Amino acid sequence: MNRRLAVILGIRPDVIRASVLLQMLHESPECELHFIWTGQHYSDNLKDVFFRELQVRRPDVELDAGGDSDAAVVSNVIGKLGPVLQKLEPAAAVFLGDTNTVMGCVAAAQFNIPVVHIEGCMRSYDWRMPEEKYRTVTDHLSDVIYAYFDEYREQGIREGINPGNIVVVGNLIVDVLERYYFARKSYYDAMASDTFFKSRGIERGKYYVMTAHRRENVQSRDSLAAIMDLAGTAPDPVYFLAGYRTQRSLREMAIAVPKNVILVDPVGYDEILALIVNSRGVLTDSGTIVEETCVLGVPSVQMRKSTERPQVYDARSSVKFDPAAASEYPPQEVFRKLESLRGGEWRHALGDGKSSERIAQDLLRRLRENDFSRHQPEQYHLPVSRSYQGDGVK
């Protein structure tokens, strides 16, 4: 029986979402886990600190598959991952999400190694986004897809993906927050001392957290300038956790940082959570963070035209701001809506905290039964999907 399972990750949100699952697989005697890191994120504050804080063991293989462009990273991932998988001959290759790293599924498919996609069948229906292309390609190459919700499964079926290949499991981020935040809340309460905030130039409950990294935002001068204009009108300081590509874009595009914006380098997961839960709200284009804020009870502004995560709008935990159409979203109105959510209660429907366990159990069963092959096609028909370009909270 082939017990070898290759899990291929490459960016810090991958580490966050997969942390509980990786521990479960590592502890199981039924699985020979091989953790492969592509190197899409490579610096300590984008990678190593997350391994340490989330108690994820170091990767068995690091590919160092970086590059100066998406095309370079993808080609390096495929070129460097292929020989590793060919030598390892795993029972399956597991990918998560929608980044350059998931395009390594092409290398697995070339060697007829079954492909498993976690976070499958998400769709924003915005074909400008590289992520939309990546997740679509990966889903259609996958032998097993773990989708968060029934509506994601239906989206995949409408595209011709066999329903027998899609398993609905719930959202992994709920598991992570249950284990690393809610079970350790006293740790975060102690971490958030007066000194913690003073050293960062902010006051507890009197600041916003901001992140921005998506290509359609940071590679467009108009969009990035609109984001900074929005932050500049915030009624309280904005603590901007800016990735290195974002910082470079601000410099190269000569976009001024408003006086109320405190721009800092990326930080570890513990610090991110402490900052978020003590803030007035979060401004972000991150899919992971809008889910985290929804679970944590912190309102957010989702700075995107389209989203593959409309559940945060359903929960009424998030407000929309489209940087490419900023004139339609007056900053004062955006913050008015955001502030209207503060202190309220909302119920999320993202998961029950057992998604990692479901995936682990299903993967182990498939290892025992050698059941990673595709199911035979079935007849199916579903209605047209709802629009994913809603306006969020009104």
Protein backbone atom coordinates (compact mmCIF):
# COMPACT_ATOMS: atom_id res chain seq x y z
CA MET A 1 0.00 0.00 0.00
CA ASN A 2 1.33 3.43 -0.99
CA ARG A 3 1.05 5.61 2.14
CA ARG A 4 3.04 8.54 0.70
CA LEU A 5 1.12 11.80 0.52
CA ALA A 6 2.70 14.96 -0.88
CA VAL A 7 1.30 18.26 0.41
CA ILE A 8 2.52 21.23 -1.64
CA LEU A 9 2.19 24.76 -0.21
CA GLY A 10 3.88 28.06 -0.97
CA ILE A 11 2.45 31.13 0.82
CA ARG A 12 1.61 32.07 4.39
CA PRO A 13 -2.22 31.81 4.04
CA ASP A 14 -1.59 28.20 2.94
CA VAL A 15 0.28 27.53 6.18
CA ILE A 16 -2.50 29.10 8.22
CA ARG A 17 -5.33 27.15 6.60
CA ALA A 18 -3.49 23.83 6.45
CA SER A 19 -1.88 23.97 9.91
CA VAL A 20 -4.41 21.78 11.73
CA LEU A 21 -4.65 19.33 8.83
CA LEU A 22 -0.87 19.00 8.57
CA GLN A 23 -0.63 18.13 12.27
CA MET A 24 -3.33 15.48 11.94
CA LEU A 25 -1.67 13.86 8.93
CA HIS A 26 1.77 14.03 10.51
CA GLU A 27 0.51 12.28 13.65
CA SER A 28 -1.26 9.48 11.76
CA PRO A 29 0.64 6.16 11.41
CA GLU A 30 -1.39 5.52 8.25
CA CYS A 31 0.21 8.40 6.35
CA GLU A 32 3.78 9.06 5.24
CA LEU A 33 3.52 12.82 4.90
CA HIS A 34 5.92 14.71 2.62
CA PHE A 35 5.54 18.47 3.07
CA ILE A 36 6.88 20.41 0.08
CA TRP A 37 7.35 24.18 0.16
CA THR A 38 7.64 25.90 -3.23
CA GLY A 39 9.27 29.07 -1.92
CA GLN A 40 6.73 31.49 -3.39
CA HIS A 41 6.96 33.19 0.03
CA TYR A 42 10.51 32.99 1.32
CA SER A 43 11.31 35.60 4.02
CA ASP A 44 11.06 34.84 7.74
CA ASN A 45 8.06 37.10 8.38
CA LEU A 46 6.18 35.58 5.44
CA LYS A 47 7.04 31.96 6.16
CA ASP A 48 9.18 30.77 9.09
CA VAL A 49 7.38 32.70 11.83
CA PHE A 50 4.13 31.05 10.75
CA PHE A 51 5.68 27.58 10.98
CA ARG A 52 6.82 28.40 14.52
CA GLU A 53 3.64 30.04 15.81
CA LEU A 54 1.27 27.53 14.21
CA GLN A 55 3.44 24.59 15.31
CA VAL A 56 3.84 23.32 11.77
CA ARG A 57 6.87 21.15 11.19
CA ARG A 58 9.50 22.35 8.74
CA PRO A 59 9.02 21.32 5.09
CA ASP A 60 10.74 18.14 3.97
CA VAL A 61 11.60 19.78 0.64
CA GLU A 62 12.01 23.45 -0.25
CA LEU A 63 12.01 24.14 -3.99
CA ASP A 64 13.15 27.78 -3.95
CA ALA A 65 10.88 28.34 -6.94
CA GLY A 66 10.77 32.11 -6.86
CA GLY A 67 10.77 34.53 -9.77
CA ASP A 68 10.28 38.13 -10.84
CA SER A 69 6.89 37.48 -12.44
CA ASP A 70 3.93 35.14 -12.10
CA ALA A 71 5.02 33.32 -15.25
CA ALA A 72 8.52 32.80 -13.85
CA VAL A 73 7.23 31.49 -10.52
CA VAL A 74 4.75 29.12 -12.16
CA SER A 75 7.33 27.74 -14.58
CA ASN A 76 9.82 27.26 -11.74
CA VAL A 77 7.22 25.51 -9.59
CA ILE A 78 6.32 23.10 -12.38
CA GLY A 79 9.94 22.54 -13.41
CA LYS A 80 11.26 21.96 -9.89
CA LEU A 81 8.29 20.06 -8.49
CA GLY A 82 8.14 17.55 -11.35
CA PRO A 83 11.40 15.68 -10.56
CA VAL A 84 10.56 15.63 -6.84
CA LEU A 85 7.17 14.03 -7.46
CA GLN A 86 8.60 11.65 -10.05
CA LYS A 87 11.12 10.36 -7.52
CA LEU A 88 8.67 10.31 -4.59
CA GLU A 89 5.79 8.63 -6.45
CA PRO A 90 3.16 9.66 -3.87
CA ALA A 91 -0.33 8.21 -3.81
CA ALA A 92 -1.57 11.76 -4.38
CA ALA A 93 -0.36 15.36 -4.54
CA VAL A 94 -2.39 17.78 -2.39
CA PHE A 95 -2.66 21.49 -3.26
CA LEU A 96 -4.53 24.29 -1.48
CA GLY A 97 -5.95 27.55 -2.74
CA ASP A 98 -5.45 29.58 -5.89
CA THR A 99 -1.87 30.88 -6.05
CA ASN A 100 1.07 30.34 -8.39
CA THR A 101 1.92 27.29 -6.29
CA VAL A 102 -1.25 25.37 -7.22
CA MET A 103 -0.14 25.35 -10.84
CA GLY A 104 2.27 22.66 -9.73
CA CYS A 105 -0.73 20.40 -10.29
CA VAL A 106 0.38 20.36 -13.94
CA ALA A 107 3.58 18.56 -12.91
CA ALA A 108 1.60 15.99 -10.90
CA ALA A 109 -0.84 15.44 -13.76
CA GLN A 110 2.02 14.90 -16.21
CA PHE A 111 3.16 11.91 -14.15
CA ASN A 112 -0.42 10.65 -13.64
CA ILE A 113 -0.19 11.35 -9.92
CA PRO A 114 -3.72 11.99 -8.59
CA VAL A 115 -4.32 15.66 -7.79
CA VAL A 116 -6.21 16.74 -4.67
CA HIS A 117 -7.41 20.36 -4.43
CA ILE A 118 -8.41 21.83 -1.08
CA GLU A 119 -10.51 25.00 -1.30
CA GLY A 120 -11.88 23.92 -4.66
CA CYS A 121 -14.66 25.28 -6.86
CA MET A 122 -14.45 28.84 -5.49
CA ARG A 123 -15.33 31.35 -8.19
CA SER A 124 -15.36 35.15 -8.35
CA TYR A 125 -16.36 35.11 -12.03
CA ASP A 126 -13.78 37.85 -12.55
CA TRP A 127 -11.46 36.52 -15.25
CA ARG A 128 -9.03 39.42 -14.78
CA MET A 129 -7.78 37.70 -11.65
CA PRO A 130 -4.89 35.22 -12.07
CA GLU A 131 -6.32 33.40 -9.06
CA GLU A 132 -9.55 32.73 -10.96
CA LYS A 133 -7.60 31.10 -13.77
CA TYR A 134 -5.45 29.07 -11.37
CA ARG A 135 -8.33 27.64 -9.36
CA THR A 136 -10.28 26.79 -12.50
CA VAL A 137 -7.34 24.94 -14.08
CA THR A 138 -6.57 23.12 -10.83
CA ASP A 139 -10.16 22.02 -10.29
CA HIS A 140 -10.40 20.59 -13.79
CA LEU A 141 -7.14 18.67 -13.33
CA SER A 142 -8.12 17.38 -9.90
CA ASP A 143 -9.18 13.85 -9.06
CA VAL A 144 -10.49 14.85 -5.62
CA ILE A 145 -11.79 18.30 -4.69
CA TYR A 146 -12.54 19.44 -1.14
CA ALA A 147 -15.04 22.31 -1.39
CA TYR A 148 -16.07 24.47 1.53
CA PHE A 149 -19.78 24.76 0.76
CA ASP A 150 -22.59 23.19 -1.23
CA GLU A 151 -22.81 26.28 -3.44
CA TYR A 152 -19.14 25.84 -4.39
CA ARG A 153 -19.84 22.23 -5.30
CA GLU A 154 -22.72 23.39 -7.50
CA GLN A 155 -20.44 25.89 -9.22
CA GLY A 156 -18.00 23.12 -10.10
CA ILE A 157 -20.78 20.88 -11.38
CA ARG A 158 -22.04 23.64 -13.67
CA GLU A 159 -18.58 23.72 -15.25
CA GLY A 160 -18.71 20.01 -15.99
CA ILE A 161 -16.76 18.75 -12.98
CA ASN A 162 -18.05 15.37 -11.86
CA PRO A 163 -20.04 15.69 -8.63
CA GLY A 164 -18.57 12.37 -7.48
CA ASN A 165 -15.15 14.03 -7.27
CA ILE A 166 -16.27 16.89 -4.97
CA VAL A 167 -16.46 16.51 -1.19
CA VAL A 168 -18.02 19.34 0.87
CA VAL A 169 -16.13 19.85 4.15
CA GLY A 170 -16.64 23.40 5.48
CA ASN A 171 -14.04 26.16 5.82
CA LEU A 172 -10.67 25.32 7.38
CA ILE A 173 -10.20 28.81 8.82
CA VAL A 174 -12.79 28.09 11.52
CA ASP A 175 -10.72 25.13 12.74
CA VAL A 176 -7.58 27.25 12.88
CA LEU A 177 -9.20 30.05 14.88
CA GLU A 178 -10.85 27.58 17.26
CA ARG A 179 -7.46 26.02 18.03
CA TYR A 180 -5.11 28.99 17.89
CA TYR A 181 -7.28 31.89 19.04
CA PHE A 182 -10.39 30.91 20.98
CA ALA A 183 -8.64 28.08 22.85
CA ARG A 184 -5.78 30.47 23.74
CA LYS A 185 -7.68 33.71 24.20
CA SER A 186 -5.99 34.46 27.53
CA TYR A 187 -2.64 34.42 25.70
CA TYR A 188 -3.84 37.08 23.26
CA ASP A 189 -5.40 39.14 26.03
CA ALA A 190 -2.05 39.19 27.81
CA MET A 191 -0.20 39.94 24.58
CA ALA A 192 -2.36 43.01 23.92
CA SER A 193 -0.83 45.09 26.71
CA ASP A 194 -0.57 48.87 26.87
CA THR A 195 3.08 48.48 25.87
CA PHE A 196 2.07 46.44 22.81
CA PHE A 197 -0.03 49.30 21.43
CA LYS A 198 2.23 52.14 22.58
CA SER A 199 5.25 50.60 20.84
CA ARG A 200 3.26 50.58 17.60
CA GLY A 201 2.01 54.13 17.89
CA ILE A 202 -1.66 53.15 18.25
CA GLU A 203 -4.30 52.95 20.97
CA ARG A 204 -6.42 49.93 21.78
CA GLY A 205 -9.75 50.14 19.93
CA LYS A 206 -8.79 53.37 18.18
CA TYR A 207 -7.19 52.21 14.93
CA TYR A 208 -7.90 50.18 11.80
CA VAL A 209 -5.80 47.38 10.36
CA MET A 210 -5.14 47.34 6.62
CA THR A 211 -3.58 44.90 4.13
CA ALA A 212 -3.42 45.10 0.33
CA HIS A 213 -1.66 42.69 -1.97
CA ARG A 214 -3.84 41.69 -4.93
CA ARG A 215 -2.44 42.36 -8.37
CA GLU A 216 -5.50 44.27 -9.57
CA ASN A 217 -4.92 46.65 -6.65
CA VAL A 218 -1.17 47.01 -6.26
CA GLN A 219 -0.26 46.89 -9.95
CA SER A 220 -2.75 49.62 -10.88
CA ARG A 221 -1.81 53.14 -9.90
CA ASP A 222 -5.42 54.31 -9.86
CA SER A 223 -6.55 51.44 -7.63
CA LEU A 224 -3.63 51.68 -5.22
CA ALA A 225 -4.07 55.46 -4.98
CA ALA A 226 -7.79 54.95 -4.27
CA ILE A 227 -6.93 52.55 -1.45
CA MET A 228 -4.54 55.04 0.09
CA ASP A 229 -7.13 57.82 -0.31
CA LEU A 230 -9.67 55.64 1.51
CA ALA A 231 -7.20 54.97 4.33
CA GLY A 232 -6.38 58.68 4.49
CA THR A 233 -10.01 59.53 5.31
CA ALA A 234 -10.27 57.03 8.18
CA PRO A 235 -11.46 58.65 11.41
CA ASP A 236 -8.65 56.90 13.31
CA PRO A 237 -5.09 55.80 12.44
CA VAL A 238 -4.64 52.96 9.96
CA TYR A 239 -2.01 50.34 10.78
CA PHE A 240 -0.95 49.13 7.32
CA LEU A 241 0.67 45.69 7.20
CA ALA A 242 2.17 46.16 3.75
CA GLY A 243 3.75 43.34 1.76
CA TYR A 244 7.04 44.01 0.01
CA ARG A 245 5.49 44.12 -3.46
CA THR A 246 2.95 46.67 -2.22
CA GLN A 247 5.68 48.81 -0.69
CA ARG A 248 7.62 48.66 -3.95
CA SER A 249 4.54 49.72 -5.93
CA LEU A 250 3.97 52.70 -3.63
CA ARG A 251 7.56 53.84 -4.22
CA GLU A 252 7.63 53.23 -7.96
CA MET A 253 4.23 54.85 -8.52
CA ALA A 254 5.13 57.78 -6.26
CA ILE A 255 1.95 57.37 -4.18
CA ALA A 256 2.14 59.25 -0.92
CA VAL A 257 1.31 57.51 2.35
CA PRO A 258 -1.26 59.61 4.28
CA LYS A 259 -0.16 60.99 7.64
CA ASN A 260 -2.66 58.85 9.56
CA VAL A 261 -1.33 55.64 7.98
CA ILE A 262 1.38 53.72 9.83
CA LEU A 263 3.10 51.53 7.23
CA VAL A 264 4.96 48.48 8.58
CA ASP A 265 6.39 45.22 7.24
CA PRO A 266 4.35 41.98 7.44
CA VAL A 267 4.16 40.38 10.89
CA GLY A 268 3.53 36.94 12.38
CA TYR A 269 0.17 35.29 12.93
CA ASP A 270 -0.04 35.94 16.67
CA GLU A 271 0.54 39.65 16.14
CA ILE A 272 -1.96 39.81 13.27
CA LEU A 273 -4.70 38.28 15.43
CA ALA A 274 -3.91 40.56 18.37
CA LEU A 275 -4.07 43.60 16.10
CA ILE A 276 -7.31 42.55 14.42
CA VAL A 277 -9.35 41.72 17.52
CA ASN A 278 -8.44 45.01 19.19
CA SER A 279 -9.09 47.20 16.13
CA ARG A 280 -12.17 49.16 15.03
CA GLY A 281 -12.19 47.21 11.79
CA VAL A 282 -10.06 45.87 8.95
CA LEU A 283 -9.53 47.17 5.41
CA THR A 284 -8.27 44.35 3.20
CA ASP A 285 -8.29 42.62 -0.17
CA SER A 286 -7.34 39.30 1.44
CA GLY A 287 -9.77 36.41 1.15
CA THR A 288 -8.41 34.78 4.30
CA ILE A 289 -8.62 37.90 6.46
CA VAL A 290 -12.26 38.72 5.61
CA GLU A 291 -13.15 35.19 6.71
CA GLU A 292 -11.09 35.52 9.89
CA THR A 293 -12.71 38.84 10.79
CA CYS A 294 -16.14 37.32 10.15
CA VAL A 295 -15.41 34.51 12.62
CA LEU A 296 -13.74 36.85 15.14
CA GLY A 297 -16.63 39.34 15.12
CA VAL A 298 -14.62 42.22 13.66
CA PRO A 299 -16.13 44.21 10.75
CA SER A 300 -14.19 44.52 7.50
CA VAL A 301 -14.05 46.43 4.25
CA GLN A 302 -13.44 44.09 1.32
CA MET A 303 -11.43 46.13 -1.20
CA ARG A 304 -12.28 44.21 -4.36
CA LYS A 305 -14.64 44.33 -7.33
CA SER A 306 -15.57 40.66 -7.09
CA THR A 307 -15.15 37.98 -4.48
CA GLU A 308 -15.15 34.21 -4.32
CA ARG A 309 -16.22 34.52 -0.67
CA PRO A 310 -19.69 36.11 -0.73
CA GLN A 311 -20.54 34.39 2.59
CA VAL A 312 -19.07 37.39 4.46
CA TYR A 313 -21.65 39.59 2.74
CA ASP A 314 -24.34 37.07 3.64
CA ALA A 315 -23.26 37.32 7.27
CA ARG A 316 -23.28 41.12 6.98
CA SER A 317 -19.80 41.29 8.44
CA SER A 318 -18.21 43.07 5.49
CA VAL A 319 -18.60 46.25 3.44
CA LYS A 320 -17.60 46.48 -0.22
CA PHE A 321 -15.14 49.02 -1.67
CA ASP A 322 -14.11 48.61 -5.31
CA PRO A 323 -10.83 50.54 -5.82
CA ALA A 324 -11.31 50.46 -9.60
CA ALA A 325 -14.63 52.31 -9.20
CA ALA A 326 -13.77 54.41 -6.17
CA SER A 327 -16.06 57.30 -7.18
CA GLU A 328 -19.03 55.02 -6.54
CA TYR A 329 -17.91 54.38 -2.95
CA PRO A 330 -17.50 57.68 -1.05
CA PRO A 331 -14.98 57.06 1.76
CA GLN A 332 -17.19 58.65 4.41
CA GLU A 333 -20.02 56.31 3.44
CA VAL A 334 -17.70 53.27 3.50
CA PHE A 335 -16.62 54.09 7.06
CA ARG A 336 -20.20 54.90 8.09
CA LYS A 337 -21.25 51.42 6.98
CA LEU A 338 -18.22 49.85 8.65
CA GLU A 339 -18.90 51.64 11.92
CA SER A 340 -22.56 50.58 11.79
CA LEU A 341 -21.41 46.98 12.11
CA ARG A 342 -19.37 47.57 15.25
CA GLY A 343 -20.85 46.12 18.39
CA GLY A 344 -23.40 44.13 16.47
CA GLU A 345 -23.66 40.38 16.41
CA TRP A 346 -23.65 38.24 13.34
CA ARG A 347 -23.61 34.52 12.80
CA HIS A 348 -21.23 33.13 10.24
CA ALA A 349 -21.95 29.96 8.31
CA LEU A 350 -18.33 29.22 7.43
CA GLY A 351 -17.94 25.96 9.30
CA ASP A 352 -18.14 24.03 12.55
CA GLY A 353 -14.44 23.66 13.32
CA LYS A 354 -14.21 20.07 12.05
CA SER A 355 -13.23 20.64 8.40
CA SER A 356 -9.59 19.60 8.87
CA GLU A 357 -10.72 16.42 10.58
CA ARG A 358 -13.08 15.59 7.70
CA ILE A 359 -10.34 16.07 5.13
CA ALA A 360 -7.79 14.10 7.15
CA GLN A 361 -10.17 11.18 7.64
CA ASP A 362 -11.13 11.14 3.97
CA LEU A 363 -7.50 11.29 2.81
CA LEU A 364 -6.54 8.45 5.16
CA ARG A 365 -9.44 6.36 3.92
CA ARG A 366 -8.38 6.97 0.33
CA LEU A 367 -4.82 5.94 1.20
CA ARG A 368 -6.06 2.69 2.74
CA GLU A 369 -8.38 1.92 -0.15
CA ASN A 370 -6.21 3.35 -2.94
CA ASP A 371 -9.20 5.49 -3.89
CA PHE A 372 -7.85 8.60 -5.61
CA SER A 373 -9.13 7.79 -9.09
CA ARG A 374 -11.84 9.87 -10.72
CA HIS A 375 -15.41 8.70 -10.54
CA GLN A 376 -17.38 7.98 -13.69
CA PRO A 377 -19.35 10.90 -15.13
CA GLU A 378 -22.91 11.42 -13.96
CA GLN A 379 -25.88 13.24 -15.39
CA TYR A 380 -26.63 16.48 -13.63
CA HIS A 381 -28.15 19.91 -14.06
CA LEU A 382 -28.18 22.91 -11.74
CA PRO A 383 -29.50 26.46 -12.09
CA VAL A 384 -27.33 29.44 -12.92
CA SER A 385 -25.13 30.78 -10.08
CA ARG A 386 -25.92 33.96 -8.21
CA SER A 387 -23.91 37.10 -8.96
CA TYR A 388 -20.71 37.55 -6.97
CA GLN A 389 -20.38 41.28 -7.55
CA GLY A 390 -22.73 42.39 -4.80
CA ASP A 391 -22.49 45.58 -2.84
CA GLY A 392 -21.95 44.06 0.59
CA VAL A 393 -23.64 45.74 3.53
CA LYS A 394 -25.90 48.63 2.57
